[in-house]
All heavy atoms as atom14 arrays in JSON, in Angstrom:
{
  "sequence": "KEVGASEGMGLGLSISYGLVQSFGGNIRGVNREGGGAEFTVELQPAD",
  "atom14_mask": [
    [1, 1, 1, 1, 1, 1, 1, 1, 1, 0, 0, 0, 0, 0],
    [1, 1, 1, 1, 1, 1, 1, 1, 1, 0, 0, 0, 0, 0],
    [1, 1, 1, 1, 1, 1, 1, 0, 0, 0, 0, 0, 0, 0],
    [1, 1, 1, 1, 0, 0, 0, 0, 0, 0, 0, 0, 0, 0],
    [1, 1, 1, 1, 1, 0, 0, 0, 0, 0, 0, 0, 0, 0],
    [1, 1, 1, 1, 1, 1, 0, 0, 0, 0, 0, 0, 0, 0],
    [1, 1, 1, 1, 1, 1, 1, 1, 1, 0, 0, 0, 0, 0],
    [1, 1, 1, 1, 0, 0, 0, 0, 0, 0, 0, 0, 0, 0],
    [1, 1, 1, 1, 1, 1, 1, 1, 0, 0, 0, 0, 0, 0],
    [1, 1, 1, 1, 0, 0, 0, 0, 0, 0, 0, 0, 0, 0],
    [1, 1, 1, 1, 1, 1, 1, 1, 0, 0, 0, 0, 0, 0],
    [1, 1, 1, 1, 0, 0, 0, 0, 0, 0, 0, 0, 0, 0],
    [1, 1, 1, 1, 1, 1, 1, 1, 0, 0, 0, 0, 0, 0],
    [1, 1, 1, 1, 1, 1, 0, 0, 0, 0, 0, 0, 0, 0],
    [1, 1, 1, 1, 1, 1, 1, 1, 0, 0, 0, 0, 0, 0],
    [1, 1, 1, 1, 1, 1, 0, 0, 0, 0, 0, 0, 0, 0],
    [1, 1, 1, 1, 1, 1, 1, 1, 1, 1, 1, 1, 0, 0],
    [1, 1, 1, 1, 0, 0, 0, 0, 0, 0, 0, 0, 0, 0],
    [1, 1, 1, 1, 1, 1, 1, 1, 0, 0, 0, 0, 0, 0],
    [1, 1, 1, 1, 1, 1, 1, 0, 0, 0, 0, 0, 0, 0],
    [1, 1, 1, 1, 1, 1, 1, 1, 1, 0, 0, 0, 0, 0],
    [1, 1, 1, 1, 1, 1, 0, 0, 0, 0, 0, 0, 0, 0],
    [1, 1, 1, 1, 1, 1, 1, 1, 1, 1, 1, 0, 0, 0],
    [1, 1, 1, 1, 0, 0, 0, 0, 0, 0, 0, 0, 0, 0],
    [1, 1, 1, 1, 0, 0, 0, 0, 0, 0, 0, 0, 0, 0],
    [1, 1, 1, 1, 1, 1, 1, 1, 0, 0, 0, 0, 0, 0],
    [1, 1, 1, 1, 1, 1, 1, 1, 0, 0, 0, 0, 0, 0],
    [1, 1, 1, 1, 1, 1, 1, 1, 1, 1, 1, 0, 0, 0],
    [1, 1, 1, 1, 0, 0, 0, 0, 0, 0, 0, 0, 0, 0],
    [1, 1, 1, 1, 1, 1, 1, 0, 0, 0, 0, 0, 0, 0],
    [1, 1, 1, 1, 1, 1, 1, 1, 0, 0, 0, 0, 0, 0],
    [1, 1, 1, 1, 1, 1, 1, 1, 1, 1, 1, 0, 0, 0],
    [1, 1, 1, 1, 1, 1, 1, 1, 1, 0, 0, 0, 0, 0],
    [1, 1, 1, 1, 0, 0, 0, 0, 0, 0, 0, 0, 0, 0],
    [1, 1, 1, 1, 0, 0, 0, 0, 0, 0, 0, 0, 0, 0],
    [1, 1, 1, 1, 0, 0, 0, 0, 0, 0, 0, 0, 0, 0],
    [1, 1, 1, 1, 1, 0, 0, 0, 0, 0, 0, 0, 0, 0],
    [1, 1, 1, 1, 1, 1, 1, 1, 1, 0, 0, 0, 0, 0],
    [1, 1, 1, 1, 1, 1, 1, 1, 1, 1, 1, 0, 0, 0],
    [1, 1, 1, 1, 1, 1, 1, 0, 0, 0, 0, 0, 0, 0],
    [1, 1, 1, 1, 1, 1, 1, 0, 0, 0, 0, 0, 0, 0],
    [1, 1, 1, 1, 1, 1, 1, 1, 1, 0, 0, 0, 0, 0],
    [1, 1, 1, 1, 1, 1, 1, 1, 0, 0, 0, 0, 0, 0],
    [1, 1, 1, 1, 1, 1, 1, 1, 1, 0, 0, 0, 0, 0],
    [1, 1, 1, 1, 1, 1, 1, 0, 0, 0, 0, 0, 0, 0],
    [1, 1, 1, 1, 1, 0, 0, 0, 0, 0, 0, 0, 0, 0],
    [1, 1, 1, 1, 1, 1, 1, 1, 0, 0, 0, 0, 0, 0]
  ],
  "atom14_positions": [
    [[69.87, 80.99, 62.6], [69.72, 79.88, 63.57], [69.37, 80.45, 64.97], [69.51, 81.7, 65.2], [71.09, 79.1, 63.71], [71.41, 78.44, 62.33], [72.81, 77.86, 62.34], [73.21, 77.42, 60.95], [74.63, 76.78, 60.94], [0.0, 0.0, 0.0], [0.0, 0.0, 0.0], [0.0, 0.0, 0.0], [0.0, 0.0, 0.0], [0.0, 0.0, 0.0]],
    [[69.02, 79.63, 65.86], [68.63, 79.97, 67.19], [69.66, 80.65, 67.92], [70.92, 80.23, 67.84], [68.03, 78.77, 67.93], [66.79, 78.12, 67.35], [66.32, 76.92, 68.17], [66.96, 76.7, 69.23], [65.42, 76.3, 67.73], [0.0, 0.0, 0.0], [0.0, 0.0, 0.0], [0.0, 0.0, 0.0], [0.0, 0.0, 0.0], [0.0, 0.0, 0.0]],
    [[69.35, 81.74, 68.66], [70.4, 82.4, 69.41], [70.92, 81.51, 70.55], [70.12, 80.78, 71.26], [69.87, 83.66, 70.11], [70.84, 84.35, 70.89], [69.37, 84.56, 68.92], [0.0, 0.0, 0.0], [0.0, 0.0, 0.0], [0.0, 0.0, 0.0], [0.0, 0.0, 0.0], [0.0, 0.0, 0.0], [0.0, 0.0, 0.0], [0.0, 0.0, 0.0]],
    [[72.24, 81.36, 70.69], [72.87, 80.63, 71.71], [73.17, 79.14, 71.22], [73.8, 78.35, 71.9], [0.0, 0.0, 0.0], [0.0, 0.0, 0.0], [0.0, 0.0, 0.0], [0.0, 0.0, 0.0], [0.0, 0.0, 0.0], [0.0, 0.0, 0.0], [0.0, 0.0, 0.0], [0.0, 0.0, 0.0], [0.0, 0.0, 0.0], [0.0, 0.0, 0.0]],
    [[72.7, 78.87, 69.97], [73.11, 77.54, 69.48], [74.64, 77.51, 69.17], [75.19, 78.47, 68.81], [72.31, 77.21, 68.2], [0.0, 0.0, 0.0], [0.0, 0.0, 0.0], [0.0, 0.0, 0.0], [0.0, 0.0, 0.0], [0.0, 0.0, 0.0], [0.0, 0.0, 0.0], [0.0, 0.0, 0.0], [0.0, 0.0, 0.0], [0.0, 0.0, 0.0]],
    [[75.25, 76.27, 69.25], [76.59, 76.24, 69.17], [77.05, 76.51, 67.69], [78.14, 76.89, 67.4], [77.17, 74.87, 69.48], [76.53, 73.85, 68.78], [0.0, 0.0, 0.0], [0.0, 0.0, 0.0], [0.0, 0.0, 0.0], [0.0, 0.0, 0.0], [0.0, 0.0, 0.0], [0.0, 0.0, 0.0], [0.0, 0.0, 0.0], [0.0, 0.0, 0.0]],
    [[76.1, 76.29, 66.76], [76.42, 76.5, 65.26], [75.97, 77.82, 64.82], [76.12, 78.29, 63.65], [75.75, 75.51, 64.49], [76.3, 74.03, 64.71], [75.41, 73.35, 65.79], [74.55, 74.17, 66.36], [75.59, 72.26, 66.12], [0.0, 0.0, 0.0], [0.0, 0.0, 0.0], [0.0, 0.0, 0.0], [0.0, 0.0, 0.0], [0.0, 0.0, 0.0]],
    [[75.33, 78.75, 65.68], [74.7, 79.88, 65.08], [75.36, 81.22, 65.41], [74.74, 82.1, 65.99], [0.0, 0.0, 0.0], [0.0, 0.0, 0.0], [0.0, 0.0, 0.0], [0.0, 0.0, 0.0], [0.0, 0.0, 0.0], [0.0, 0.0, 0.0], [0.0, 0.0, 0.0], [0.0, 0.0, 0.0], [0.0, 0.0, 0.0], [0.0, 0.0, 0.0]],
    [[76.75, 81.34, 65.02], [77.4, 82.59, 65.38], [77.39, 83.55, 64.22], [77.84, 84.72, 64.31], [78.82, 82.32, 65.75], [78.88, 81.28, 66.99], [80.52, 81.01, 67.6], [80.82, 82.59, 68.41], [0.0, 0.0, 0.0], [0.0, 0.0, 0.0], [0.0, 0.0, 0.0], [0.0, 0.0, 0.0], [0.0, 0.0, 0.0], [0.0, 0.0, 0.0]],
    [[76.96, 83.11, 63.07], [76.83, 84.12, 61.84], [78.05, 84.5, 61.16], [78.13, 85.49, 60.56], [0.0, 0.0, 0.0], [0.0, 0.0, 0.0], [0.0, 0.0, 0.0], [0.0, 0.0, 0.0], [0.0, 0.0, 0.0], [0.0, 0.0, 0.0], [0.0, 0.0, 0.0], [0.0, 0.0, 0.0], [0.0, 0.0, 0.0], [0.0, 0.0, 0.0]],
    [[79.2, 83.7, 61.32], [80.44, 84.07, 60.68], [80.84, 83.13, 59.54], [81.72, 83.49, 58.71], [81.62, 84.01, 61.7], [81.54, 85.13, 62.78], [82.76, 84.96, 63.73], [81.75, 86.45, 62.08], [0.0, 0.0, 0.0], [0.0, 0.0, 0.0], [0.0, 0.0, 0.0], [0.0, 0.0, 0.0], [0.0, 0.0, 0.0], [0.0, 0.0, 0.0]],
    [[80.22, 82.04, 59.37], [80.61, 81.05, 58.27], [80.53, 81.62, 56.91], [81.47, 81.57, 56.15], [0.0, 0.0, 0.0], [0.0, 0.0, 0.0], [0.0, 0.0, 0.0], [0.0, 0.0, 0.0], [0.0, 0.0, 0.0], [0.0, 0.0, 0.0], [0.0, 0.0, 0.0], [0.0, 0.0, 0.0], [0.0, 0.0, 0.0], [0.0, 0.0, 0.0]],
    [[79.38, 82.15, 56.56], [79.24, 82.72, 55.2], [80.01, 83.92, 55.05], [80.53, 84.18, 53.89], [77.74, 82.88, 54.89], [76.9, 81.72, 54.8], [75.44, 82.04, 54.48], [77.32, 80.81, 53.64], [0.0, 0.0, 0.0], [0.0, 0.0, 0.0], [0.0, 0.0, 0.0], [0.0, 0.0, 0.0], [0.0, 0.0, 0.0], [0.0, 0.0, 0.0]],
    [[80.2, 84.72, 56.02], [81.03, 85.92, 55.91], [82.5, 85.59, 55.55], [83.12, 86.07, 54.73], [80.97, 86.78, 57.2], [81.79, 87.89, 57.04], [0.0, 0.0, 0.0], [0.0, 0.0, 0.0], [0.0, 0.0, 0.0], [0.0, 0.0, 0.0], [0.0, 0.0, 0.0], [0.0, 0.0, 0.0], [0.0, 0.0, 0.0], [0.0, 0.0, 0.0]],
    [[83.05, 84.59, 56.37], [84.38, 84.05, 56.08], [84.44, 83.39, 54.69], [85.43, 83.62, 53.89], [84.81, 83.06, 57.19], [84.89, 83.69, 58.54], [86.07, 82.37, 56.78], [85.09, 82.85, 59.61], [0.0, 0.0, 0.0], [0.0, 0.0, 0.0], [0.0, 0.0, 0.0], [0.0, 0.0, 0.0], [0.0, 0.0, 0.0], [0.0, 0.0, 0.0]],
    [[83.4, 82.6, 54.3], [83.41, 81.98, 52.96], [83.52, 83.04, 51.86], [84.13, 82.98, 50.84], [82.28, 81.07, 52.78], [82.26, 80.18, 53.72], [0.0, 0.0, 0.0], [0.0, 0.0, 0.0], [0.0, 0.0, 0.0], [0.0, 0.0, 0.0], [0.0, 0.0, 0.0], [0.0, 0.0, 0.0], [0.0, 0.0, 0.0], [0.0, 0.0, 0.0]],
    [[82.71, 84.21, 52.02], [82.67, 85.22, 51.0], [84.07, 85.86, 50.87], [84.57, 86.04, 49.81], [81.78, 86.31, 51.49], [81.64, 87.44, 50.51], [80.71, 87.28, 49.42], [82.28, 88.58, 50.72], [80.65, 88.45, 48.53], [82.19, 89.69, 49.84], [81.35, 89.59, 48.69], [81.24, 90.6, 47.87], [0.0, 0.0, 0.0], [0.0, 0.0, 0.0]],
    [[84.7, 86.16, 52.06], [86.07, 86.62, 51.9], [87.11, 85.66, 51.31], [87.95, 86.13, 50.49], [0.0, 0.0, 0.0], [0.0, 0.0, 0.0], [0.0, 0.0, 0.0], [0.0, 0.0, 0.0], [0.0, 0.0, 0.0], [0.0, 0.0, 0.0], [0.0, 0.0, 0.0], [0.0, 0.0, 0.0], [0.0, 0.0, 0.0], [0.0, 0.0, 0.0]],
    [[87.01, 84.36, 51.54], [87.95, 83.41, 50.96], [87.63, 83.32, 49.38], [88.63, 83.36, 48.67], [87.72, 82.04, 51.63], [88.15, 81.92, 53.04], [87.83, 80.56, 53.6], [89.65, 82.22, 53.25], [0.0, 0.0, 0.0], [0.0, 0.0, 0.0], [0.0, 0.0, 0.0], [0.0, 0.0, 0.0], [0.0, 0.0, 0.0], [0.0, 0.0, 0.0]],
    [[86.48, 83.29, 49.02], [86.2, 83.29, 47.53], [86.64, 84.52, 46.92], [87.19, 84.43, 45.71], [84.66, 82.97, 47.32], [84.35, 83.1, 45.82], [84.28, 81.58, 47.85], [0.0, 0.0, 0.0], [0.0, 0.0, 0.0], [0.0, 0.0, 0.0], [0.0, 0.0, 0.0], [0.0, 0.0, 0.0], [0.0, 0.0, 0.0], [0.0, 0.0, 0.0]],
    [[86.39, 85.63, 47.46], [87.03, 86.85, 46.84], [88.5, 86.88, 46.82], [89.09, 87.34, 45.76], [86.52, 88.01, 47.76], [84.96, 88.36, 47.74], [84.58, 88.95, 46.38], [85.4, 89.71, 45.7], [83.44, 88.53, 45.88], [0.0, 0.0, 0.0], [0.0, 0.0, 0.0], [0.0, 0.0, 0.0], [0.0, 0.0, 0.0], [0.0, 0.0, 0.0]],
    [[89.21, 86.31, 47.74], [90.68, 86.2, 47.7], [91.16, 85.32, 46.53], [92.23, 85.47, 46.01], [91.22, 85.76, 48.99], [90.91, 84.41, 49.2], [0.0, 0.0, 0.0], [0.0, 0.0, 0.0], [0.0, 0.0, 0.0], [0.0, 0.0, 0.0], [0.0, 0.0, 0.0], [0.0, 0.0, 0.0], [0.0, 0.0, 0.0], [0.0, 0.0, 0.0]],
    [[90.25, 84.32, 46.06], [90.6, 83.45, 44.9], [90.31, 84.22, 43.58], [90.58, 83.61, 42.57], [89.8, 82.14, 45.03], [90.12, 81.31, 46.27], [89.13, 80.44, 46.72], [91.27, 81.49, 46.9], [89.4, 79.72, 47.86], [91.49, 80.74, 48.04], [90.52, 79.84, 48.59], [0.0, 0.0, 0.0], [0.0, 0.0, 0.0], [0.0, 0.0, 0.0]],
    [[89.71, 85.33, 43.59], [89.33, 86.06, 42.45], [88.07, 85.57, 41.85], [87.67, 85.77, 40.72], [0.0, 0.0, 0.0], [0.0, 0.0, 0.0], [0.0, 0.0, 0.0], [0.0, 0.0, 0.0], [0.0, 0.0, 0.0], [0.0, 0.0, 0.0], [0.0, 0.0, 0.0], [0.0, 0.0, 0.0], [0.0, 0.0, 0.0], [0.0, 0.0, 0.0]],
    [[87.25, 84.94, 42.86], [85.86, 84.41, 42.36], [84.73, 85.19, 42.95], [84.93, 86.32, 43.49], [0.0, 0.0, 0.0], [0.0, 0.0, 0.0], [0.0, 0.0, 0.0], [0.0, 0.0, 0.0], [0.0, 0.0, 0.0], [0.0, 0.0, 0.0], [0.0, 0.0, 0.0], [0.0, 0.0, 0.0], [0.0, 0.0, 0.0], [0.0, 0.0, 0.0]],
    [[83.47, 84.58, 42.92], [82.37, 85.24, 43.47], [81.41, 84.22, 44.0], [81.46, 83.0, 43.67], [81.6, 85.94, 42.31], [80.46, 86.83, 42.8], [80.54, 87.31, 44.01], [79.45, 87.09, 41.96], [0.0, 0.0, 0.0], [0.0, 0.0, 0.0], [0.0, 0.0, 0.0], [0.0, 0.0, 0.0], [0.0, 0.0, 0.0], [0.0, 0.0, 0.0]],
    [[80.53, 84.54, 45.1], [79.64, 83.66, 45.66], [78.27, 84.42, 45.82], [78.35, 85.58, 46.22], [80.1, 83.13, 47.06], [79.2, 82.24, 47.67], [80.52, 84.36, 47.94], [79.68, 81.56, 48.87], [0.0, 0.0, 0.0], [0.0, 0.0, 0.0], [0.0, 0.0, 0.0], [0.0, 0.0, 0.0], [0.0, 0.0, 0.0], [0.0, 0.0, 0.0]],
    [[77.22, 83.76, 45.6], [75.94, 84.46, 45.8], [74.91, 83.3, 46.24], [75.13, 82.1, 45.99], [75.46, 85.01, 44.59], [75.21, 84.0, 43.43], [74.67, 84.71, 42.15], [74.53, 83.85, 41.07], [75.5, 83.48, 40.1], [76.74, 84.01, 40.23], [75.21, 82.59, 39.18], [0.0, 0.0, 0.0], [0.0, 0.0, 0.0], [0.0, 0.0, 0.0]],
    [[73.89, 83.73, 46.97], [72.87, 82.86, 47.47], [71.5, 83.38, 47.1], [71.12, 84.58, 47.28], [0.0, 0.0, 0.0], [0.0, 0.0, 0.0], [0.0, 0.0, 0.0], [0.0, 0.0, 0.0], [0.0, 0.0, 0.0], [0.0, 0.0, 0.0], [0.0, 0.0, 0.0], [0.0, 0.0, 0.0], [0.0, 0.0, 0.0], [0.0, 0.0, 0.0]],
    [[70.51, 82.51, 46.69], [69.25, 82.83, 46.38], [68.21, 81.72, 46.79], [68.65, 80.63, 47.2], [69.1, 83.01, 44.83], [69.93, 84.13, 44.28], [69.44, 81.66, 44.09], [0.0, 0.0, 0.0], [0.0, 0.0, 0.0], [0.0, 0.0, 0.0], [0.0, 0.0, 0.0], [0.0, 0.0, 0.0], [0.0, 0.0, 0.0], [0.0, 0.0, 0.0]],
    [[66.99, 82.11, 46.86], [65.85, 81.09, 47.21], [65.45, 80.34, 45.95], [65.24, 81.0, 44.91], [64.77, 81.75, 47.86], [65.05, 82.25, 49.29], [65.72, 81.51, 50.12], [64.63, 83.51, 49.68], [0.0, 0.0, 0.0], [0.0, 0.0, 0.0], [0.0, 0.0, 0.0], [0.0, 0.0, 0.0], [0.0, 0.0, 0.0], [0.0, 0.0, 0.0]],
    [[65.24, 79.05, 46.05], [64.77, 78.26, 44.98], [63.31, 78.48, 44.83], [62.52, 78.7, 45.73], [65.12, 76.9, 45.14], [66.67, 76.57, 45.27], [66.94, 75.17, 45.56], [66.55, 74.19, 44.61], [66.33, 72.91, 44.77], [66.53, 72.4, 45.9], [65.78, 72.19, 43.82], [0.0, 0.0, 0.0], [0.0, 0.0, 0.0], [0.0, 0.0, 0.0]],
    [[62.79, 78.3, 43.57], [61.44, 78.45, 43.25], [60.54, 77.33, 44.0], [59.45, 77.55, 44.53], [61.1, 78.34, 41.72], [61.65, 79.59, 41.08], [61.31, 79.61, 39.61], [60.62, 78.62, 39.18], [61.7, 80.52, 38.86], [0.0, 0.0, 0.0], [0.0, 0.0, 0.0], [0.0, 0.0, 0.0], [0.0, 0.0, 0.0], [0.0, 0.0, 0.0]],
    [[61.11, 76.17, 44.05], [60.38, 75.03, 44.72], [60.63, 74.96, 46.15], [60.17, 74.0, 46.74], [0.0, 0.0, 0.0], [0.0, 0.0, 0.0], [0.0, 0.0, 0.0], [0.0, 0.0, 0.0], [0.0, 0.0, 0.0], [0.0, 0.0, 0.0], [0.0, 0.0, 0.0], [0.0, 0.0, 0.0], [0.0, 0.0, 0.0], [0.0, 0.0, 0.0]],
    [[61.38, 75.9, 46.77], [61.65, 75.88, 48.15], [63.06, 75.53, 48.41], [63.63, 74.64, 47.78], [0.0, 0.0, 0.0], [0.0, 0.0, 0.0], [0.0, 0.0, 0.0], [0.0, 0.0, 0.0], [0.0, 0.0, 0.0], [0.0, 0.0, 0.0], [0.0, 0.0, 0.0], [0.0, 0.0, 0.0], [0.0, 0.0, 0.0], [0.0, 0.0, 0.0]],
    [[63.66, 76.05, 49.41], [64.98, 75.81, 49.7], [65.93, 76.97, 49.28], [65.49, 77.9, 48.62], [0.0, 0.0, 0.0], [0.0, 0.0, 0.0], [0.0, 0.0, 0.0], [0.0, 0.0, 0.0], [0.0, 0.0, 0.0], [0.0, 0.0, 0.0], [0.0, 0.0, 0.0], [0.0, 0.0, 0.0], [0.0, 0.0, 0.0], [0.0, 0.0, 0.0]],
    [[67.31, 76.81, 49.55], [68.18, 77.83, 49.21], [69.18, 77.13, 48.25], [69.43, 76.0, 48.21], [68.94, 78.34, 50.37], [0.0, 0.0, 0.0], [0.0, 0.0, 0.0], [0.0, 0.0, 0.0], [0.0, 0.0, 0.0], [0.0, 0.0, 0.0], [0.0, 0.0, 0.0], [0.0, 0.0, 0.0], [0.0, 0.0, 0.0], [0.0, 0.0, 0.0]],
    [[69.81, 77.98, 47.39], [70.79, 77.66, 46.41], [72.0, 78.64, 46.48], [71.72, 79.87, 46.29], [70.21, 77.53, 45.01], [71.24, 77.11, 43.98], [70.55, 76.97, 42.61], [69.82, 76.02, 42.37], [70.87, 77.83, 41.8], [0.0, 0.0, 0.0], [0.0, 0.0, 0.0], [0.0, 0.0, 0.0], [0.0, 0.0, 0.0], [0.0, 0.0, 0.0]],
    [[73.26, 78.12, 46.7], [74.39, 78.93, 46.71], [75.24, 78.5, 45.52], [75.5, 77.34, 45.24], [75.21, 78.75, 48.01], [74.5, 79.28, 49.27], [73.53, 78.7, 49.91], [74.85, 80.66, 49.57], [73.0, 79.25, 50.98], [74.27, 81.29, 50.71], [73.26, 80.57, 51.41], [0.0, 0.0, 0.0], [0.0, 0.0, 0.0], [0.0, 0.0, 0.0]],
    [[75.75, 79.6, 44.79], [76.67, 79.34, 43.67], [77.91, 79.99, 43.81], [78.03, 81.24, 44.19], [75.97, 79.99, 42.37], [74.64, 79.32, 42.15], [76.83, 79.67, 41.1], [0.0, 0.0, 0.0], [0.0, 0.0, 0.0], [0.0, 0.0, 0.0], [0.0, 0.0, 0.0], [0.0, 0.0, 0.0], [0.0, 0.0, 0.0], [0.0, 0.0, 0.0]],
    [[78.98, 79.21, 43.72], [80.38, 79.75, 43.88], [80.95, 79.64, 42.45], [80.98, 78.66, 41.76], [81.18, 78.85, 44.82], [82.6, 79.4, 44.94], [80.56, 78.89, 46.21], [0.0, 0.0, 0.0], [0.0, 0.0, 0.0], [0.0, 0.0, 0.0], [0.0, 0.0, 0.0], [0.0, 0.0, 0.0], [0.0, 0.0, 0.0], [0.0, 0.0, 0.0]],
    [[81.48, 80.9, 42.0], [82.16, 80.93, 40.71], [83.68, 81.15, 40.96], [84.1, 82.07, 41.74], [81.62, 82.14, 39.91], [80.14, 81.94, 39.52], [79.61, 83.16, 38.76], [80.33, 84.23, 38.79], [78.5, 83.04, 38.22], [0.0, 0.0, 0.0], [0.0, 0.0, 0.0], [0.0, 0.0, 0.0], [0.0, 0.0, 0.0], [0.0, 0.0, 0.0]],
    [[84.5, 80.27, 40.33], [85.96, 80.25, 40.38], [86.59, 80.35, 39.12], [86.08, 79.8, 38.05], [86.41, 79.01, 41.19], [85.87, 78.92, 42.68], [86.23, 77.49, 43.25], [86.49, 79.94, 43.5], [0.0, 0.0, 0.0], [0.0, 0.0, 0.0], [0.0, 0.0, 0.0], [0.0, 0.0, 0.0], [0.0, 0.0, 0.0], [0.0, 0.0, 0.0]],
    [[87.86, 80.92, 39.02], [88.51, 80.9, 37.81], [89.12, 79.58, 37.47], [89.71, 78.9, 38.39], [89.67, 81.91, 37.83], [89.11, 83.45, 38.03], [90.33, 84.4, 38.08], [91.45, 83.99, 38.0], [90.02, 85.63, 38.31], [0.0, 0.0, 0.0], [0.0, 0.0, 0.0], [0.0, 0.0, 0.0], [0.0, 0.0, 0.0], [0.0, 0.0, 0.0]],
    [[89.13, 79.13, 36.22], [89.84, 77.88, 35.83], [91.27, 78.04, 36.13], [91.85, 79.13, 36.04], [89.53, 77.7, 34.32], [88.35, 78.62, 34.11], [88.35, 79.72, 35.1], [0.0, 0.0, 0.0], [0.0, 0.0, 0.0], [0.0, 0.0, 0.0], [0.0, 0.0, 0.0], [0.0, 0.0, 0.0], [0.0, 0.0, 0.0], [0.0, 0.0, 0.0]],
    [[92.03, 76.97, 36.45], [93.49, 76.97, 36.71], [94.29, 77.41, 35.56], [95.31, 77.98, 35.7], [93.81, 75.63, 37.3], [0.0, 0.0, 0.0], [0.0, 0.0, 0.0], [0.0, 0.0, 0.0], [0.0, 0.0, 0.0], [0.0, 0.0, 0.0], [0.0, 0.0, 0.0], [0.0, 0.0, 0.0], [0.0, 0.0, 0.0], [0.0, 0.0, 0.0]],
    [[93.74, 77.13, 34.33], [94.63, 77.49, 33.12], [94.43, 78.88, 32.63], [95.05, 79.33, 31.73], [94.14, 76.56, 31.92], [94.52, 75.1, 32.27], [95.41, 74.86, 32.98], [93.8, 74.2, 31.7], [0.0, 0.0, 0.0], [0.0, 0.0, 0.0], [0.0, 0.0, 0.0], [0.0, 0.0, 0.0], [0.0, 0.0, 0.0], [0.0, 0.0, 0.0]]
  ]
}
């Protein structure tokens, strides 16, 4: 995001990565073939 924007501090995904790891899961992000981004979060079932 643009430098100086109120939303562009670059910590959101880093924090999300740490939280998902603490749940014993995984998170990854890739570019879609038709354009755009796709994020996948993998979590353990409760059972």
